[in-house]
Amino acid sequence: FGLGCGPVLETLLRDHFLGDLREVVVLGANDQFWDYSKQI
């Protein structure tokens, strides 16, 4: 994750695009294990 956009994103961060960092949000929520009938 982030290998593709990483170089451009890191340039923006070095150029202080965000200003002072205040918050981060990390989401990794899906249905990969939603079906309880599937093999463990």
PDB file of all heavy atoms in Angstrom:
ATOM      1  N   PHE A   1       0.831  -1.194   0.000  1.00  0.00           N
ATOM      2  CA  PHE A   1       0.000   0.000   0.000  1.00  0.00           C
ATOM      3  C   PHE A   1       0.874   1.256   0.000  1.00  0.00           C
ATOM      4  O   PHE A   1       1.803   1.388   0.784  1.00  0.00           O
ATOM      5  CB  PHE A   1      -0.936   0.007   1.203  1.00  0.00           C
ATOM      6  CG  PHE A   1      -1.796  -1.219   1.289  1.00  0.00           C
ATOM      7  CD1 PHE A   1      -1.844  -1.989   2.441  1.00  0.00           C
ATOM      8  CD2 PHE A   1      -2.539  -1.636   0.191  1.00  0.00           C
ATOM      9  CE1 PHE A   1      -2.633  -3.126   2.514  1.00  0.00           C
ATOM     10  CE2 PHE A   1      -3.328  -2.774   0.252  1.00  0.00           C
ATOM     11  CZ  PHE A   1      -3.376  -3.520   1.412  1.00  0.00           C
ATOM     12  N   GLY A   2       0.568   2.158  -0.887  1.00  0.00           N
ATOM     13  CA  GLY A   2       1.304   3.412  -0.960  1.00  0.00           C
ATOM     14  C   GLY A   2       2.552   3.374  -1.803  1.00  0.00           C
ATOM     15  O   GLY A   2       3.218   4.405  -1.960  1.00  0.00           O
ATOM     16  N   LEU A   3       2.896   2.235  -2.384  1.00  0.00           N
ATOM     17  CA  LEU A   3       4.093   2.192  -3.219  1.00  0.00           C
ATOM     18  C   LEU A   3       3.935   3.065  -4.461  1.00  0.00           C
ATOM     19  O   LEU A   3       4.879   3.718  -4.901  1.00  0.00           O
ATOM     20  CB  LEU A   3       4.404   0.751  -3.637  1.00  0.00           C
ATOM     21  CG  LEU A   3       4.851  -0.214  -2.539  1.00  0.00           C
ATOM     22  CD1 LEU A   3       5.141  -1.587  -3.128  1.00  0.00           C
ATOM     23  CD2 LEU A   3       6.068   0.315  -1.790  1.00  0.00           C
ATOM     24  N   GLY A   4       2.718   3.074  -5.040  1.00  0.00           N
ATOM     25  CA  GLY A   4       2.504   3.841  -6.257  1.00  0.00           C
ATOM     26  C   GLY A   4       2.487   5.339  -6.024  1.00  0.00           C
ATOM     27  O   GLY A   4       3.221   6.105  -6.664  1.00  0.00           O
ATOM     28  N   CYS A   5       1.660   5.792  -5.091  1.00  0.00           N
ATOM     29  CA  CYS A   5       1.510   7.223  -4.845  1.00  0.00           C
ATOM     30  C   CYS A   5       2.580   7.773  -3.913  1.00  0.00           C
ATOM     31  O   CYS A   5       2.721   8.993  -3.774  1.00  0.00           O
ATOM     32  CB  CYS A   5       0.127   7.525  -4.271  1.00  0.00           C
ATOM     33  SG  CYS A   5      -0.113   6.925  -2.571  1.00  0.00           S
ATOM     34  N   GLY A   6       3.340   6.886  -3.265  1.00  0.00           N
ATOM     35  CA  GLY A   6       4.284   7.299  -2.231  1.00  0.00           C
ATOM     36  C   GLY A   6       5.224   8.429  -2.631  1.00  0.00           C
ATOM     37  O   GLY A   6       5.341   9.429  -1.908  1.00  0.00           O
ATOM     38  N   PRO A   7       5.938   8.320  -3.770  1.00  0.00           N
ATOM     39  CA  PRO A   7       6.889   9.386  -4.116  1.00  0.00           C
ATOM     40  C   PRO A   7       6.246  10.762  -4.230  1.00  0.00           C
ATOM     41  O   PRO A   7       6.803  11.759  -3.744  1.00  0.00           O
ATOM     42  CB  PRO A   7       7.449   8.909  -5.465  1.00  0.00           C
ATOM     43  CG  PRO A   7       7.321   7.420  -5.423  1.00  0.00           C
ATOM     44  CD  PRO A   7       6.037   7.167  -4.682  1.00  0.00           C
ATOM     45  N   VAL A   8       5.079  10.857  -4.868  1.00  0.00           N
ATOM     46  CA  VAL A   8       4.405  12.150  -5.019  1.00  0.00           C
ATOM     47  C   VAL A   8       3.870  12.631  -3.674  1.00  0.00           C
ATOM     48  O   VAL A   8       4.003  13.816  -3.314  1.00  0.00           O
ATOM     49  CB  VAL A   8       3.278  12.057  -6.060  1.00  0.00           C
ATOM     50  CG1 VAL A   8       2.424  13.329  -6.061  1.00  0.00           C
ATOM     51  CG2 VAL A   8       3.856  11.811  -7.447  1.00  0.00           C
ATOM     52  N   LEU A   9       3.268  11.723  -2.900  1.00  0.00           N
ATOM     53  CA  LEU A   9       2.734  12.102  -1.591  1.00  0.00           C
ATOM     54  C   LEU A   9       3.849  12.600  -0.681  1.00  0.00           C
ATOM     55  O   LEU A   9       3.680  13.608   0.028  1.00  0.00           O
ATOM     56  CB  LEU A   9       2.013  10.899  -0.979  1.00  0.00           C
ATOM     57  CG  LEU A   9       1.141  11.139   0.258  1.00  0.00           C
ATOM     58  CD1 LEU A   9       0.063  10.061   0.359  1.00  0.00           C
ATOM     59  CD2 LEU A   9       1.963  11.129   1.538  1.00  0.00           C
ATOM     60  N   GLU A  10       4.977  11.912  -0.699  1.00  0.00           N
ATOM     61  CA  GLU A  10       6.092  12.322   0.169  1.00  0.00           C
ATOM     62  C   GLU A  10       6.647  13.681  -0.242  1.00  0.00           C
ATOM     63  O   GLU A  10       7.090  14.468   0.606  1.00  0.00           O
ATOM     64  CB  GLU A  10       7.169  11.240   0.145  1.00  0.00           C
ATOM     65  CG  GLU A  10       6.735   9.987   0.917  1.00  0.00           C
ATOM     66  CD  GLU A  10       7.426   8.716   0.452  1.00  0.00           C
ATOM     67  OE1 GLU A  10       8.508   8.819  -0.184  1.00  0.00           O
ATOM     68  OE2 GLU A  10       6.879   7.624   0.716  1.00  0.00           O
ATOM     69  N   THR A  11       6.617  13.996  -1.541  1.00  0.00           N
ATOM     70  CA  THR A  11       7.025  15.332  -1.991  1.00  0.00           C
ATOM     71  C   THR A  11       6.083  16.397  -1.443  1.00  0.00           C
ATOM     72  O   THR A  11       6.516  17.457  -0.973  1.00  0.00           O
ATOM     73  CB  THR A  11       7.051  15.392  -3.528  1.00  0.00           C
ATOM     74  OG1 THR A  11       8.032  14.472  -4.010  1.00  0.00           O
ATOM     75  CG2 THR A  11       7.403  16.793  -4.011  1.00  0.00           C
ATOM     76  N   LEU A  12       4.771  16.129  -1.484  1.00  0.00           N
ATOM     77  CA  LEU A  12       3.805  17.066  -0.913  1.00  0.00           C
ATOM     78  C   LEU A  12       4.061  17.296   0.572  1.00  0.00           C
ATOM     79  O   LEU A  12       3.993  18.426   1.064  1.00  0.00           O
ATOM     80  CB  LEU A  12       2.379  16.549  -1.118  1.00  0.00           C
ATOM     81  CG  LEU A  12       1.807  16.592  -2.538  1.00  0.00           C
ATOM     82  CD1 LEU A  12       0.394  15.999  -2.554  1.00  0.00           C
ATOM     83  CD2 LEU A  12       1.779  18.013  -3.084  1.00  0.00           C
ATOM     84  N   LEU A  13       4.360  16.215   1.292  1.00  0.00           N
ATOM     85  CA  LEU A  13       4.620  16.356   2.726  1.00  0.00           C
ATOM     86  C   LEU A  13       5.880  17.179   2.979  1.00  0.00           C
ATOM     87  O   LEU A  13       5.909  18.029   3.883  1.00  0.00           O
ATOM     88  CB  LEU A  13       4.738  14.974   3.374  1.00  0.00           C
ATOM     89  CG  LEU A  13       3.473  14.115   3.390  1.00  0.00           C
ATOM     90  CD1 LEU A  13       3.766  12.750   3.989  1.00  0.00           C
ATOM     91  CD2 LEU A  13       2.343  14.802   4.155  1.00  0.00           C
ATOM     92  N   ARG A  14       6.926  16.939   2.182  1.00  0.00           N
ATOM     93  CA  ARG A  14       8.159  17.732   2.341  1.00  0.00           C
ATOM     94  C   ARG A  14       7.922  19.206   2.042  1.00  0.00           C
ATOM     95  O   ARG A  14       8.575  20.081   2.619  1.00  0.00           O
ATOM     96  CB  ARG A  14       9.261  17.170   1.437  1.00  0.00           C
ATOM     97  CG  ARG A  14       9.880  15.873   1.926  1.00  0.00           C
ATOM     98  CD  ARG A  14      11.169  15.574   1.186  1.00  0.00           C
ATOM     99  NE  ARG A  14      10.932  15.373  -0.237  1.00  0.00           N
ATOM    100  CZ  ARG A  14      10.659  14.193  -0.792  1.00  0.00           C
ATOM    101  NH1 ARG A  14      10.581  13.108  -0.033  1.00  0.00           N
ATOM    102  NH2 ARG A  14      10.474  14.090  -2.096  1.00  0.00           N
ATOM    103  N   ASP A  15       6.971  19.477   1.137  1.00  0.00           N
ATOM    104  CA  ASP A  15       6.647  20.864   0.783  1.00  0.00           C
ATOM    105  C   ASP A  15       5.603  21.478   1.718  1.00  0.00           C
ATOM    106  O   ASP A  15       5.071  22.555   1.432  1.00  0.00           O
ATOM    107  CB  ASP A  15       6.135  20.922  -0.659  1.00  0.00           C
ATOM    108  CG  ASP A  15       7.222  20.601  -1.683  1.00  0.00           C
ATOM    109  OD1 ASP A  15       8.413  20.687  -1.322  1.00  0.00           O
ATOM    110  OD2 ASP A  15       6.875  20.263  -2.834  1.00  0.00           O
ATOM    111  N   HIS A  16       5.306  20.781   2.821  1.00  0.00           N
ATOM    112  CA  HIS A  16       4.390  21.275   3.859  1.00  0.00           C
ATOM    113  C   HIS A  16       2.980  21.517   3.335  1.00  0.00           C
ATOM    114  O   HIS A  16       2.310  22.472   3.741  1.00  0.00           O
ATOM    115  CB  HIS A  16       4.951  22.541   4.514  1.00  0.00           C
ATOM    116  CG  HIS A  16       6.326  22.374   5.065  1.00  0.00           C
ATOM    117  ND1 HIS A  16       6.600  21.616   6.179  1.00  0.00           N
ATOM    118  CD2 HIS A  16       7.530  22.839   4.620  1.00  0.00           C
ATOM    119  CE1 HIS A  16       7.898  21.638   6.427  1.00  0.00           C
ATOM    120  NE2 HIS A  16       8.494  22.364   5.492  1.00  0.00           N
ATOM    121  N   PHE A  17       2.530  20.648   2.431  1.00  0.00           N
ATOM    122  CA  PHE A  17       1.175  20.763   1.892  1.00  0.00           C
ATOM    123  C   PHE A  17       0.136  20.696   3.005  1.00  0.00           C
ATOM    124  O   PHE A  17      -0.862  21.414   2.985  1.00  0.00           O
ATOM    125  CB  PHE A  17       0.930  19.642   0.881  1.00  0.00           C
ATOM    126  CG  PHE A  17      -0.446  19.639   0.269  1.00  0.00           C
ATOM    127  CD1 PHE A  17      -0.705  20.352  -0.897  1.00  0.00           C
ATOM    128  CD2 PHE A  17      -1.490  18.925   0.851  1.00  0.00           C
ATOM    129  CE1 PHE A  17      -1.978  20.365  -1.457  1.00  0.00           C
ATOM    130  CE2 PHE A  17      -2.764  18.930   0.303  1.00  0.00           C
ATOM    131  CZ  PHE A  17      -3.010  19.651  -0.860  1.00  0.00           C
ATOM    132  N   LEU A  18       0.359  19.831   3.991  1.00  0.00           N
ATOM    133  CA  LEU A  18      -0.609  19.657   5.075  1.00  0.00           C
ATOM    134  C   LEU A  18      -0.541  20.765   6.109  1.00  0.00           C
ATOM    135  O   LEU A  18      -1.502  20.972   6.853  1.00  0.00           O
ATOM    136  CB  LEU A  18      -0.377  18.325   5.798  1.00  0.00           C
ATOM    137  CG  LEU A  18      -0.723  17.038   5.062  1.00  0.00           C
ATOM    138  CD1 LEU A  18      -0.365  15.843   5.933  1.00  0.00           C
ATOM    139  CD2 LEU A  18      -2.206  16.994   4.697  1.00  0.00           C
ATOM    140  N   GLY A  19       0.583  21.463   6.193  1.00  0.00           N
ATOM    141  CA  GLY A  19       0.820  22.333   7.340  1.00  0.00           C
ATOM    142  C   GLY A  19       1.208  21.471   8.529  1.00  0.00           C
ATOM    143  O   GLY A  19       1.975  20.514   8.398  1.00  0.00           O
ATOM    144  N   ASP A  20       0.681  21.774   9.689  1.00  0.00           N
ATOM    145  CA  ASP A  20       0.942  20.964  10.880  1.00  0.00           C
ATOM    146  C   ASP A  20      -0.032  19.785  10.910  1.00  0.00           C
ATOM    147  O   ASP A  20      -1.250  19.970  10.825  1.00  0.00           O
ATOM    148  CB  ASP A  20       0.772  21.798  12.145  1.00  0.00           C
ATOM    149  CG  ASP A  20       1.783  22.930  12.229  1.00  0.00           C
ATOM    150  OD1 ASP A  20       2.922  22.736  11.762  1.00  0.00           O
ATOM    151  OD2 ASP A  20       1.426  24.008  12.747  1.00  0.00           O
ATOM    152  N   LEU A  21       0.501  18.592  11.060  1.00  0.00           N
ATOM    153  CA  LEU A  21      -0.345  17.399  11.121  1.00  0.00           C
ATOM    154  C   LEU A  21      -1.215  17.443  12.377  1.00  0.00           C
ATOM    155  O   LEU A  21      -0.729  17.680  13.482  1.00  0.00           O
ATOM    156  CB  LEU A  21       0.522  16.136  11.143  1.00  0.00           C
ATOM    157  CG  LEU A  21      -0.232  14.805  11.143  1.00  0.00           C
ATOM    158  CD1 LEU A  21      -0.969  14.599   9.819  1.00  0.00           C
ATOM    159  CD2 LEU A  21       0.742  13.651  11.396  1.00  0.00           C
ATOM    160  N   ARG A  22      -2.515  17.195  12.189  1.00  0.00           N
ATOM    161  CA  ARG A  22      -3.445  17.208  13.315  1.00  0.00           C
ATOM    162  C   ARG A  22      -4.035  15.830  13.599  1.00  0.00           C
ATOM    163  O   ARG A  22      -4.097  15.405  14.738  1.00  0.00           O
ATOM    164  CB  ARG A  22      -4.565  18.216  13.053  1.00  0.00           C
ATOM    165  CG  ARG A  22      -4.095  19.653  13.088  1.00  0.00           C
ATOM    166  CD  ARG A  22      -5.202  20.640  12.792  1.00  0.00           C
ATOM    167  NE  ARG A  22      -4.761  22.018  13.023  1.00  0.00           N
ATOM    168  CZ  ARG A  22      -5.485  23.090  12.740  1.00  0.00           C
ATOM    169  NH1 ARG A  22      -6.718  22.950  12.213  1.00  0.00           N
ATOM    170  NH2 ARG A  22      -5.009  24.303  12.988  1.00  0.00           N
ATOM    171  N   GLU A  23      -4.497  15.155  12.566  1.00  0.00           N
ATOM    172  CA  GLU A  23      -5.144  13.857  12.767  1.00  0.00           C
ATOM    173  C   GLU A  23      -4.805  12.918  11.612  1.00  0.00           C
ATOM    174  O   GLU A  23      -4.566  13.360  10.481  1.00  0.00           O
ATOM    175  CB  GLU A  23      -6.675  14.009  12.847  1.00  0.00           C
ATOM    176  CG  GLU A  23      -7.160  14.821  14.013  1.00  0.00           C
ATOM    177  CD  GLU A  23      -8.687  14.909  14.065  1.00  0.00           C
ATOM    178  OE1 GLU A  23      -9.355  14.148  13.338  1.00  0.00           O
ATOM    179  OE2 GLU A  23      -9.197  15.730  14.836  1.00  0.00           O
ATOM    180  N   VAL A  24      -4.808  11.621  11.916  1.00  0.00           N
ATOM    181  CA  VAL A  24      -4.720  10.592  10.878  1.00  0.00           C
ATOM    182  C   VAL A  24      -5.871   9.614  11.095  1.00  0.00           C
ATOM    183  O   VAL A  24      -6.309   9.382  12.227  1.00  0.00           O
ATOM    184  CB  VAL A  24      -3.361   9.850  10.886  1.00  0.00           C
ATOM    185  CG1 VAL A  24      -2.213  10.830  10.714  1.00  0.00           C
ATOM    186  CG2 VAL A  24      -3.182   9.031  12.160  1.00  0.00           C
ATOM    187  N   VAL A  25      -6.368   9.070  10.001  1.00  0.00           N
ATOM    188  CA  VAL A  25      -7.411   8.052  10.048  1.00  0.00           C
ATOM    189  C   VAL A  25      -6.942   6.877   9.207  1.00  0.00           C
ATOM    190  O   VAL A  25      -6.529   7.057   8.054  1.00  0.00           O
ATOM    191  CB  VAL A  25      -8.760   8.578   9.525  1.00  0.00           C
ATOM    192  CG1 VAL A  25      -9.781   7.447   9.451  1.00  0.00           C
ATOM    193  CG2 VAL A  25      -9.267   9.714  10.401  1.00  0.00           C
ATOM    194  N   VAL A  26      -6.994   5.685   9.773  1.00  0.00           N
ATOM    195  CA  VAL A  26      -6.616   4.462   9.076  1.00  0.00           C
ATOM    196  C   VAL A  26      -7.822   3.535   9.044  1.00  0.00           C
ATOM    197  O   VAL A  26      -8.361   3.162  10.096  1.00  0.00           O
ATOM    198  CB  VAL A  26      -5.430   3.763   9.769  1.00  0.00           C
ATOM    199  CG1 VAL A  26      -5.084   2.460   9.046  1.00  0.00           C
ATOM    200  CG2 VAL A  26      -4.216   4.686   9.811  1.00  0.00           C
ATOM    201  N   LEU A  27      -8.260   3.178   7.855  1.00  0.00           N
ATOM    202  CA  LEU A  27      -9.425   2.316   7.674  1.00  0.00           C
ATOM    203  C   LEU A  27      -9.012   1.035   6.962  1.00  0.00           C
ATOM    204  O   LEU A  27      -8.306   1.078   5.948  1.00  0.00           O
ATOM    205  CB  LEU A  27     -10.495   3.032   6.842  1.00  0.00           C
ATOM    206  CG  LEU A  27     -11.006   4.368   7.391  1.00  0.00           C
ATOM    207  CD1 LEU A  27     -11.900   5.053   6.375  1.00  0.00           C
ATOM    208  CD2 LEU A  27     -11.751   4.149   8.698  1.00  0.00           C
ATOM    209  N   GLY A  28      -9.454  -0.080   7.513  1.00  0.00           N
ATOM    210  CA  GLY A  28      -9.212  -1.374   6.880  1.00  0.00           C
ATOM    211  C   GLY A  28     -10.375  -2.292   7.189  1.00  0.00           C
ATOM    212  O   GLY A  28     -10.211  -3.306   7.861  1.00  0.00           O
ATOM    213  N   ALA A  29     -11.560  -1.918   6.704  1.00  0.00           N
ATOM    214  CA  ALA A  29     -12.791  -2.588   7.120  1.00  0.00           C
ATOM    215  C   ALA A  29     -13.564  -3.079   5.905  1.00  0.00           C
ATOM    216  O   ALA A  29     -13.967  -2.292   5.043  1.00  0.00           O
ATOM    217  CB  ALA A  29     -13.649  -1.631   7.947  1.00  0.00           C
ATOM    218  N   ASN A  30     -13.780  -4.403   5.874  1.00  0.00           N
ATOM    219  CA  ASN A  30     -14.479  -5.008   4.742  1.00  0.00           C
ATOM    220  C   ASN A  30     -15.158  -6.298   5.192  1.00  0.00           C
ATOM    221  O   ASN A  30     -15.300  -6.553   6.387  1.00  0.00           O
ATOM    222  CB  ASN A  30     -13.505  -5.262   3.585  1.00  0.00           C
ATOM    223  CG  ASN A  30     -12.289  -6.083   4.017  1.00  0.00           C
ATOM    224  OD1 ASN A  30     -12.391  -6.957   4.883  1.00  0.00           O
ATOM    225  ND2 ASN A  30     -11.147  -5.803   3.438  1.00  0.00           N
ATOM    226  N   ASP A  31     -15.553  -7.134   4.232  1.00  0.00           N
ATOM    227  CA  ASP A  31     -16.327  -8.336   4.565  1.00  0.00           C
ATOM    228  C   ASP A  31     -15.556  -9.630   4.330  1.00  0.00           C
ATOM    229  O   ASP A  31     -16.147 -10.682   4.134  1.00  0.00           O
ATOM    230  CB  ASP A  31     -17.626  -8.350   3.741  1.00  0.00           C
ATOM    231  CG  ASP A  31     -17.366  -8.430   2.238  1.00  0.00           C
ATOM    232  OD1 ASP A  31     -16.186  -8.373   1.822  1.00  0.00           O
ATOM    233  OD2 ASP A  31     -18.340  -8.529   1.468  1.00  0.00           O
ATOM    234  N   GLN A  32     -14.214  -9.572   4.374  1.00  0.00           N
ATOM    235  CA  GLN A  32     -13.430 -10.752   4.024  1.00  0.00           C
ATOM    236  C   GLN A  32     -13.736 -11.957   4.911  1.00  0.00           C
ATOM    237  O   GLN A  32     -13.632 -13.105   4.465  1.00  0.00           O
ATOM    238  CB  GLN A  32     -11.936 -10.436   4.057  1.00  0.00           C
ATOM    239  CG  GLN A  32     -11.375 -10.152   5.452  1.00  0.00           C
ATOM    240  CD  GLN A  32      -9.891  -9.861   5.430  1.00  0.00           C
ATOM    241  OE1 GLN A  32      -9.454  -8.804   5.870  1.00  0.00           O
ATOM    242  NE2 GLN A  32      -9.104 -10.786   4.928  1.00  0.00           N
ATOM    243  N   PHE A  33     -14.138 -11.749   6.158  1.00  0.00           N
ATOM    244  CA  PHE A  33     -14.473 -12.848   7.063  1.00  0.00           C
ATOM    245  C   PHE A  33     -15.940 -12.781   7.511  1.00  0.00           C
ATOM    246  O   PHE A  33     -16.303 -13.361   8.534  1.00  0.00           O
ATOM    247  CB  PHE A  33     -13.554 -12.823   8.284  1.00  0.00           C
ATOM    248  CG  PHE A  33     -12.094 -13.027   7.961  1.00  0.00           C
ATOM    249  CD1 PHE A  33     -11.127 -12.178   8.465  1.00  0.00           C
ATOM    250  CD2 PHE A  33     -11.690 -14.064   7.125  1.00  0.00           C
ATOM    251  CE1 PHE A  33      -9.782 -12.350   8.162  1.00  0.00           C
ATOM    252  CE2 PHE A  33     -10.346 -14.254   6.815  1.00  0.00           C
ATOM    253  CZ  PHE A  33      -9.392 -13.398   7.329  1.00  0.00           C
ATOM    254  N   TRP A  34     -16.750 -12.074   6.745  1.00  0.00           N
ATOM    255  CA  TRP A  34     -18.148 -11.898   7.133  1.00  0.00           C
ATOM    256  C   TRP A  34     -18.912 -13.223   7.120  1.00  0.00           C
ATOM    257  O   TRP A  34     -19.744 -13.485   7.993  1.00  0.00           O
ATOM    258  CB  TRP A  34     -18.818 -10.902   6.183  1.00  0.00           C
ATOM    259  CG  TRP A  34     -20.288 -10.781   6.384  1.00  0.00           C
ATOM    260  CD1 TRP A  34     -20.936 -10.065   7.351  1.00  0.00           C
ATOM    261  CD2 TRP A  34     -21.314 -11.414   5.615  1.00  0.00           C
ATOM    262  NE1 TRP A  34     -22.296 -10.199   7.237  1.00  0.00           N
ATOM    263  CE2 TRP A  34     -22.561 -11.034   6.176  1.00  0.00           C
ATOM    264  CE3 TRP A  34     -21.318 -12.263   4.510  1.00  0.00           C
ATOM    265  CZ2 TRP A  34     -23.769 -11.479   5.656  1.00  0.00           C
ATOM    266  CZ3 TRP A  34     -22.521 -12.705   3.993  1.00  0.00           C
ATOM    267  CH2 TRP A  34     -23.737 -12.313   4.566  1.00  0.00           C
ATOM    268  N   ASP A  35     -18.640 -14.078   6.147  1.00  0.00           N
ATOM    269  CA  ASP A  35     -19.376 -15.332   5.990  1.00  0.00           C
ATOM    270  C   ASP A  35     -18.808 -16.385   6.946  1.00  0.00           C
ATOM    271  O   ASP A  35     -17.771 -16.999   6.671  1.00  0.00           O
ATOM    272  CB  ASP A  35     -19.288 -15.815   4.544  1.00  0.00           C
ATOM    273  CG  ASP A  35     -20.157 -17.033   4.270  1.00  0.00           C
ATOM    274  OD1 ASP A  35     -20.686 -17.624   5.236  1.00  0.00           O
ATOM    275  OD2 ASP A  35     -20.289 -17.417   3.085  1.00  0.00           O
ATOM    276  N   TYR A  36     -19.495 -16.605   8.050  1.00  0.00           N
ATOM    277  CA  TYR A  36     -18.985 -17.519   9.085  1.00  0.00           C
ATOM    278  C   TYR A  36     -19.036 -18.979   8.661  1.00  0.00           C
ATOM    279  O   TYR A  36     -18.499 -19.852   9.347  1.00  0.00           O
ATOM    280  CB  TYR A  36     -19.771 -17.337  10.390  1.00  0.00           C
ATOM    281  CG  TYR A  36     -21.233 -17.711  10.292  1.00  0.00           C
ATOM    282  CD1 TYR A  36     -21.662 -19.011  10.502  1.00  0.00           C
ATOM    283  CD2 TYR A  36     -22.190 -16.738   9.990  1.00  0.00           C
ATOM    284  CE1 TYR A  36     -23.003 -19.341  10.404  1.00  0.00           C
ATOM    285  CE2 TYR A  36     -23.527 -17.062   9.889  1.00  0.00           C
ATOM    286  CZ  TYR A  36     -23.930 -18.376  10.094  1.00  0.00           C
ATOM    287  OH  TYR A  36     -25.253 -18.709   9.993  1.00  0.00           O
ATOM    288  N   SER A  37     -19.680 -19.280   7.519  1.00  0.00           N
ATOM    289  CA  SER A  37     -19.741 -20.671   7.051  1.00  0.00           C
ATOM    290  C   SER A  37     -18.484 -21.087   6.296  1.00  0.00           C
ATOM    291  O   SER A  37     -18.294 -22.266   5.995  1.00  0.00           O
ATOM    292  CB  SER A  37     -20.965 -20.876   6.152  1.00  0.00           C
ATOM    293  OG  SER A  37     -20.829 -20.179   4.932  1.00  0.00           O
ATOM    294  N   LYS A  38     -17.599 -20.115   6.004  1.00  0.00           N
ATOM    295  CA  LYS A  38     -16.387 -20.427   5.254  1.00  0.00           C
ATOM    296  C   LYS A  38     -15.310 -21.008   6.158  1.00  0.00           C
ATOM    297  O   LYS A  38     -15.269 -20.755   7.359  1.00  0.00           O
ATOM    298  CB  LYS A  38     -15.870 -19.175   4.544  1.00  0.00           C
ATOM    299  CG  LYS A  38     -16.727 -18.743   3.365  1.00  0.00           C
ATOM    300  CD  LYS A  38     -16.090 -17.583   2.618  1.00  0.00           C
ATOM    301  CE  LYS A  38     -16.906 -17.214   1.394  1.00  0.00           C
ATOM    302  NZ  LYS A  38     -16.304 -16.076   0.657  1.00  0.00           N
ATOM    303  N   GLN A  39     -14.423 -21.765   5.541  1.00  0.00           N
ATOM    304  CA  GLN A  39     -13.301 -22.405   6.224  1.00  0.00           C
ATOM    305  C   GLN A  39     -12.482 -21.382   7.013  1.00  0.00           C
ATOM    306  O   GLN A  39     -12.239 -20.273   6.557  1.00  0.00           O
ATOM    307  CB  GLN A  39     -12.410 -23.072   5.163  1.00  0.00           C
ATOM    308  CG  GLN A  39     -11.015 -23.447   5.597  1.00  0.00           C
ATOM    309  CD  GLN A  39     -10.980 -24.747   6.376  1.00  0.00           C
ATOM    310  OE1 GLN A  39     -11.986 -25.426   6.505  1.00  0.00           O
ATOM    311  NE2 GLN A  39      -9.829 -25.088   6.896  1.00  0.00           N
ATOM    312  N   ILE A  40     -12.062 -21.760   8.223  1.00  0.00           N
ATOM    313  CA  ILE A  40     -11.218 -20.879   9.027  1.00  0.00           C
ATOM    314  C   ILE A  40      -9.922 -20.590   8.280  1.00  0.00           C
ATOM    315  O   ILE A  40      -9.354 -21.469   7.614  1.00  0.00           O
ATOM    316  CB  ILE A  40     -10.942 -21.493  10.415  1.00  0.00           C
ATOM    317  CG1 ILE A  40     -10.360 -20.440  11.351  1.00  0.00           C
ATOM    318  CG2 ILE A  40     -10.051 -22.738  10.318  1.00  0.00           C
ATOM    319  CD1 ILE A  40     -10.336 -20.858  12.809  1.00  0.00           C
TER     320      ILE A  40
END
